[in-house]
Amino acid sequence: MPKPFLITTDVAATFIVRCKNQETTPANLKAARERVYYLAKHAVLTRHGGGKRGQALWDLHELAEPYRQTTIIELP
């Protein structure tokens, strides 16, 4: 398993929006942030970092997994 590449929730939301080829509007970013927390709640993503608002970190490798079939993703 590769070493986690941790990103903030805002970066994770931007990643999801761009994978879906959507505009980075406030509404799309909000929906993507909600998706990140939904995936964490259902044990698809591992939450790293603190439990307070704005302290959560997410592994980009886990986050990219659902989009690997539709988008070319190169991770470090």
N, C-alpha and C. Protein backbone atom coordinates (compact mmCIF):
# COMPACT_ATOMS: atom_id res chain seq x y z
N MET A 1 0.85 -1.18 0.00
CA MET A 1 0.00 0.00 0.00
C MET A 1 0.90 1.24 0.00
N PRO A 2 0.62 2.20 -0.91
CA PRO A 2 1.46 3.40 -0.95
C PRO A 2 1.25 4.29 0.27
N LYS A 3 2.25 5.09 0.56
CA LYS A 3 2.15 6.04 1.65
C LYS A 3 1.01 7.03 1.35
N PRO A 4 0.17 7.36 2.34
CA PRO A 4 -0.95 8.28 2.09
C PRO A 4 -0.45 9.65 1.63
N PHE A 5 -1.14 10.19 0.64
CA PHE A 5 -0.89 11.55 0.16
C PHE A 5 -2.07 12.38 0.67
N LEU A 6 -1.88 13.06 1.80
CA LEU A 6 -2.99 13.72 2.50
C LEU A 6 -3.26 15.11 1.95
N ILE A 7 -4.56 15.39 1.78
CA ILE A 7 -5.01 16.68 1.29
C ILE A 7 -6.17 17.17 2.17
N THR A 8 -6.42 18.47 2.12
CA THR A 8 -7.51 19.05 2.90
C THR A 8 -8.85 18.75 2.24
N THR A 9 -9.91 19.03 2.96
CA THR A 9 -11.26 18.81 2.42
C THR A 9 -11.52 19.70 1.22
N ASP A 10 -11.05 20.95 1.26
CA ASP A 10 -11.27 21.85 0.12
C ASP A 10 -10.57 21.35 -1.13
N VAL A 11 -9.35 20.86 -0.97
CA VAL A 11 -8.62 20.32 -2.12
C VAL A 11 -9.32 19.05 -2.62
N ALA A 12 -9.78 18.22 -1.71
CA ALA A 12 -10.50 17.01 -2.09
C ALA A 12 -11.77 17.35 -2.88
N ALA A 13 -12.48 18.37 -2.44
CA ALA A 13 -13.70 18.79 -3.15
C ALA A 13 -13.36 19.30 -4.55
N THR A 14 -12.31 20.07 -4.66
CA THR A 14 -11.89 20.58 -5.97
C THR A 14 -11.49 19.42 -6.88
N PHE A 15 -10.81 18.44 -6.33
CA PHE A 15 -10.42 17.25 -7.09
C PHE A 15 -11.64 16.54 -7.66
N ILE A 16 -12.65 16.33 -6.83
CA ILE A 16 -13.87 15.65 -7.28
C ILE A 16 -14.57 16.44 -8.38
N VAL A 17 -14.68 17.74 -8.19
CA VAL A 17 -15.35 18.59 -9.18
C VAL A 17 -14.62 18.52 -10.52
N ARG A 18 -13.31 18.56 -10.48
CA ARG A 18 -12.53 18.51 -11.73
C ARG A 18 -12.58 17.13 -12.37
N CYS A 19 -12.62 16.08 -11.58
CA CYS A 19 -12.76 14.73 -12.14
C CYS A 19 -14.07 14.58 -12.87
N LYS A 20 -15.09 15.26 -12.40
CA LYS A 20 -16.41 15.19 -13.03
C LYS A 20 -16.55 16.21 -14.17
N ASN A 21 -15.47 16.94 -14.48
CA ASN A 21 -15.49 17.97 -15.52
C ASN A 21 -16.56 19.02 -15.29
N GLN A 22 -16.74 19.41 -14.02
CA GLN A 22 -17.70 20.44 -13.66
C GLN A 22 -16.97 21.75 -13.40
N GLU A 23 -17.73 22.82 -13.41
CA GLU A 23 -17.17 24.12 -13.04
C GLU A 23 -16.98 24.16 -11.53
N THR A 24 -16.00 24.90 -11.07
CA THR A 24 -15.74 25.01 -9.63
C THR A 24 -16.60 26.13 -9.03
N THR A 25 -17.89 25.93 -9.09
CA THR A 25 -18.82 26.89 -8.50
C THR A 25 -19.00 26.56 -7.02
N PRO A 26 -19.44 27.53 -6.23
CA PRO A 26 -19.68 27.24 -4.81
C PRO A 26 -20.64 26.07 -4.59
N ALA A 27 -21.66 25.95 -5.41
CA ALA A 27 -22.63 24.86 -5.26
C ALA A 27 -21.98 23.50 -5.55
N ASN A 28 -21.18 23.43 -6.61
CA ASN A 28 -20.51 22.17 -6.94
C ASN A 28 -19.49 21.78 -5.88
N LEU A 29 -18.75 22.77 -5.35
CA LEU A 29 -17.78 22.49 -4.31
C LEU A 29 -18.46 22.02 -3.03
N LYS A 30 -19.60 22.63 -2.70
CA LYS A 30 -20.34 22.21 -1.51
C LYS A 30 -20.82 20.77 -1.65
N ALA A 31 -21.35 20.44 -2.81
CA ALA A 31 -21.81 19.07 -3.05
C ALA A 31 -20.65 18.08 -2.98
N ALA A 32 -19.50 18.46 -3.48
CA ALA A 32 -18.33 17.58 -3.45
C ALA A 32 -17.83 17.40 -2.02
N ARG A 33 -17.85 18.47 -1.22
CA ARG A 33 -17.46 18.34 0.20
C ARG A 33 -18.40 17.39 0.93
N GLU A 34 -19.68 17.52 0.66
CA GLU A 34 -20.66 16.61 1.27
C GLU A 34 -20.40 15.17 0.83
N ARG A 35 -19.99 14.99 -0.40
CA ARG A 35 -19.67 13.65 -0.91
C ARG A 35 -18.47 13.06 -0.17
N VAL A 36 -17.46 13.88 0.10
CA VAL A 36 -16.28 13.41 0.84
C VAL A 36 -16.70 12.90 2.21
N TYR A 37 -17.50 13.67 2.92
CA TYR A 37 -17.93 13.24 4.26
C TYR A 37 -18.87 12.05 4.20
N TYR A 38 -19.67 11.95 3.15
CA TYR A 38 -20.53 10.79 2.96
C TYR A 38 -19.68 9.53 2.79
N LEU A 39 -18.66 9.62 1.95
CA LEU A 39 -17.76 8.48 1.73
C LEU A 39 -17.04 8.08 3.01
N ALA A 40 -16.68 9.07 3.81
CA ALA A 40 -16.01 8.77 5.08
C ALA A 40 -16.98 8.08 6.04
N LYS A 41 -18.20 8.56 6.08
CA LYS A 41 -19.21 7.98 6.97
C LYS A 41 -19.48 6.51 6.62
N HIS A 42 -19.38 6.18 5.34
CA HIS A 42 -19.65 4.82 4.88
C HIS A 42 -18.37 4.01 4.67
N ALA A 43 -17.30 4.44 5.32
CA ALA A 43 -16.02 3.71 5.39
C ALA A 43 -15.37 3.47 4.03
N VAL A 44 -15.61 4.36 3.08
CA VAL A 44 -14.93 4.29 1.79
C VAL A 44 -13.63 5.09 1.86
N LEU A 45 -13.66 6.20 2.60
CA LEU A 45 -12.49 7.05 2.81
C LEU A 45 -12.10 7.02 4.28
N THR A 46 -10.80 7.10 4.51
CA THR A 46 -10.29 7.18 5.87
C THR A 46 -10.04 8.63 6.22
N ARG A 47 -10.56 9.05 7.34
CA ARG A 47 -10.36 10.42 7.79
C ARG A 47 -9.07 10.48 8.60
N HIS A 48 -8.18 11.33 8.18
CA HIS A 48 -6.92 11.55 8.89
C HIS A 48 -6.98 12.95 9.48
N GLY A 49 -6.31 13.17 10.57
CA GLY A 49 -6.30 14.51 11.16
C GLY A 49 -7.33 14.66 12.24
N GLY A 50 -7.53 15.90 12.66
CA GLY A 50 -8.39 16.20 13.79
C GLY A 50 -9.86 16.06 13.49
N GLY A 51 -10.64 16.03 14.57
CA GLY A 51 -12.08 15.88 14.45
C GLY A 51 -12.82 17.20 14.33
N LYS A 52 -12.11 18.31 14.51
CA LYS A 52 -12.77 19.61 14.42
C LYS A 52 -12.89 20.05 12.97
N ARG A 53 -13.82 20.96 12.75
CA ARG A 53 -14.08 21.46 11.40
C ARG A 53 -12.80 22.05 10.80
N GLY A 54 -12.51 21.64 9.58
CA GLY A 54 -11.36 22.17 8.87
C GLY A 54 -10.05 21.45 9.15
N GLN A 55 -10.04 20.46 10.04
CA GLN A 55 -8.81 19.75 10.37
C GLN A 55 -8.71 18.39 9.70
N ALA A 56 -9.75 17.93 9.06
CA ALA A 56 -9.73 16.61 8.44
C ALA A 56 -8.81 16.60 7.23
N LEU A 57 -8.12 15.50 7.06
CA LEU A 57 -7.27 15.28 5.90
C LEU A 57 -7.69 13.97 5.26
N TRP A 58 -7.53 13.89 3.94
CA TRP A 58 -7.99 12.73 3.18
C TRP A 58 -6.86 12.23 2.31
N ASP A 59 -6.82 10.91 2.12
CA ASP A 59 -5.80 10.30 1.27
C ASP A 59 -6.24 10.40 -0.19
N LEU A 60 -5.43 11.06 -0.98
CA LEU A 60 -5.77 11.25 -2.38
C LEU A 60 -5.85 9.92 -3.13
N HIS A 61 -5.07 8.94 -2.74
CA HIS A 61 -5.13 7.63 -3.38
C HIS A 61 -6.51 6.99 -3.19
N GLU A 62 -7.06 7.08 -1.99
CA GLU A 62 -8.41 6.54 -1.72
C GLU A 62 -9.47 7.35 -2.46
N LEU A 63 -9.30 8.66 -2.45
CA LEU A 63 -10.28 9.54 -3.07
C LEU A 63 -10.34 9.33 -4.58
N ALA A 64 -9.21 9.04 -5.19
CA ALA A 64 -9.16 8.87 -6.64
C ALA A 64 -9.73 7.55 -7.12
N GLU A 65 -9.83 6.58 -6.24
CA GLU A 65 -10.24 5.23 -6.63
C GLU A 65 -11.54 5.18 -7.45
N PRO A 66 -12.61 5.84 -7.04
CA PRO A 66 -13.85 5.75 -7.83
C PRO A 66 -13.75 6.39 -9.21
N TYR A 67 -12.76 7.26 -9.43
CA TYR A 67 -12.65 8.00 -10.68
C TYR A 67 -11.61 7.42 -11.62
N ARG A 68 -10.93 6.37 -11.22
CA ARG A 68 -9.86 5.79 -12.06
C ARG A 68 -10.38 5.26 -13.38
N GLN A 69 -11.61 4.81 -13.46
CA GLN A 69 -12.16 4.24 -14.69
C GLN A 69 -12.54 5.31 -15.70
N THR A 70 -12.80 6.53 -15.24
CA THR A 70 -13.30 7.56 -16.15
C THR A 70 -12.30 8.67 -16.43
N THR A 71 -11.25 8.79 -15.62
CA THR A 71 -10.32 9.88 -15.74
C THR A 71 -8.89 9.37 -15.62
N ILE A 72 -8.00 9.94 -16.38
CA ILE A 72 -6.59 9.59 -16.25
C ILE A 72 -6.03 10.36 -15.06
N ILE A 73 -5.58 9.63 -14.04
CA ILE A 73 -5.08 10.25 -12.83
C ILE A 73 -3.68 9.75 -12.58
N GLU A 74 -2.75 10.68 -12.46
CA GLU A 74 -1.38 10.33 -12.12
C GLU A 74 -1.10 10.91 -10.73
N LEU A 75 -0.80 10.03 -9.80
CA LEU A 75 -0.52 10.45 -8.44
C LEU A 75 0.97 10.34 -8.17
N PRO A 76 1.48 11.19 -7.29
CA PRO A 76 2.90 11.12 -6.96
C PRO A 76 3.25 9.85 -6.21
